């Protein structure tokens, strides 16, 4: 049971980091979370490299 909890935490960690980040907001943040869930866990790496795509004023 502890192994399952650990694996679940590791899988959710990128989502938690994106949701808690202030690099993006609103729809852009939702798009990144959906990318992590449906495309690949490695989308989180792209989030760290590319977000924000445009500068906020």
C-alpha atoms as a PDB file:
ATOM      1  CA  UNK A   1       0.000   0.000   0.000  1.00  0.00           C
ATOM      2  CA  UNK A   2       2.839   2.395   0.801  1.00  0.00           C
ATOM      3  CA  UNK A   3       4.436   1.715  -2.579  1.00  0.00           C
ATOM      4  CA  UNK A   4       1.172   2.545  -4.355  1.00  0.00           C
ATOM      5  CA  UNK A   5       0.897   5.818  -2.399  1.00  0.00           C
ATOM      6  CA  UNK A   6       4.496   6.722  -3.281  1.00  0.00           C
ATOM      7  CA  UNK A   7       3.989   5.998  -6.986  1.00  0.00           C
ATOM      8  CA  UNK A   8       0.767   8.034  -6.992  1.00  0.00           C
ATOM      9  CA  UNK A   9       2.551  10.936  -5.324  1.00  0.00           C
ATOM     10  CA  UNK A  10       5.369  10.825  -7.886  1.00  0.00           C
ATOM     11  CA  UNK A  11       2.822  10.776 -10.724  1.00  0.00           C
ATOM     12  CA  UNK A  12       0.919  13.745  -9.237  1.00  0.00           C
ATOM     13  CA  UNK A  13       4.012  15.795  -8.364  1.00  0.00           C
ATOM     14  CA  UNK A  14       4.285  17.633 -11.720  1.00  0.00           C
ATOM     15  CA  UNK A  15       0.595  18.508 -11.577  1.00  0.00           C
ATOM     16  CA  UNK A  16       0.977  19.827  -8.039  1.00  0.00           C
ATOM     17  CA  UNK A  17       3.992  21.912  -9.082  1.00  0.00           C
ATOM     18  CA  UNK A  18       2.170  23.406 -12.086  1.00  0.00           C
ATOM     19  CA  UNK A  19      -0.977  24.196 -10.101  1.00  0.00           C
ATOM     20  CA  UNK A  20       1.067  25.845  -7.338  1.00  0.00           C
ATOM     21  CA  UNK A  21       3.284  27.805  -9.722  1.00  0.00           C
ATOM     22  CA  UNK A  22       2.777  31.484 -10.448  1.00  0.00           C
ATOM     23  CA  UNK A  23       4.535  31.313 -13.848  1.00  0.00           C
ATOM     24  CA  UNK A  24       1.203  30.889 -15.662  1.00  0.00           C
ATOM     25  CA  UNK A  25      -2.436  31.610 -14.929  1.00  0.00           C
ATOM     26  CA  UNK A  26      -5.896  30.564 -16.016  1.00  0.00           C
ATOM     27  CA  UNK A  27      -6.303  28.735 -19.283  1.00  0.00           C
ATOM     28  CA  UNK A  28      -2.585  28.423 -19.903  1.00  0.00           C
ATOM     29  CA  UNK A  29      -2.127  26.645 -16.575  1.00  0.00           C
ATOM     30  CA  UNK A  30      -5.057  24.341 -17.350  1.00  0.00           C
ATOM     31  CA  UNK A  31      -3.535  23.524 -20.738  1.00  0.00           C
ATOM     32  CA  UNK A  32      -0.217  22.569 -19.132  1.00  0.00           C
ATOM     33  CA  UNK A  33      -1.957  20.345 -16.574  1.00  0.00           C
ATOM     34  CA  UNK A  34      -3.936  18.628 -19.341  1.00  0.00           C
ATOM     35  CA  UNK A  35      -0.719  18.162 -21.329  1.00  0.00           C
ATOM     36  CA  UNK A  36       0.892  16.432 -18.355  1.00  0.00           C
ATOM     37  CA  UNK A  37      -2.136  14.200 -17.834  1.00  0.00           C
ATOM     38  CA  UNK A  38      -2.893  13.243 -21.433  1.00  0.00           C
ATOM     39  CA  UNK A  39       0.327  13.694 -23.411  1.00  0.00           C
ATOM     40  CA  UNK A  40       3.164  12.736 -21.174  1.00  0.00           C
ATOM     41  CA  UNK A  41       4.645  13.176 -17.756  1.00  0.00           C
ATOM     42  CA  UNK A  42       7.595  14.790 -19.541  1.00  0.00           C
ATOM     43  CA  UNK A  43       5.371  17.719 -20.532  1.00  0.00           C
ATOM     44  CA  UNK A  44       6.303  19.004 -17.085  1.00  0.00           C
ATOM     45  CA  UNK A  45       9.907  19.368 -18.282  1.00  0.00           C
ATOM     46  CA  UNK A  46       8.678  21.462 -21.201  1.00  0.00           C
ATOM     47  CA  UNK A  47       6.620  23.526 -18.764  1.00  0.00           C
ATOM     48  CA  UNK A  48       9.727  24.307 -16.757  1.00  0.00           C
ATOM     49  CA  UNK A  49      11.627  25.270 -19.907  1.00  0.00           C
ATOM     50  CA  UNK A  50       8.951  27.154 -21.843  1.00  0.00           C
ATOM     51  CA  UNK A  51       6.446  28.677 -19.421  1.00  0.00           C
ATOM     52  CA  UNK A  52       5.529  31.449 -19.588  1.00  0.00           C
ATOM     53  CA  UNK A  53       5.416  31.521 -23.369  1.00  0.00           C
ATOM     54  CA  UNK A  54       4.785  35.263 -23.332  1.00  0.00           C
ATOM     55  CA  UNK A  55       5.672  37.908 -20.771  1.00  0.00           C
ATOM     56  CA  UNK A  56       2.928  39.112 -18.459  1.00  0.00           C
ATOM     57  CA  UNK A  57       2.575  42.854 -17.961  1.00  0.00           C
END
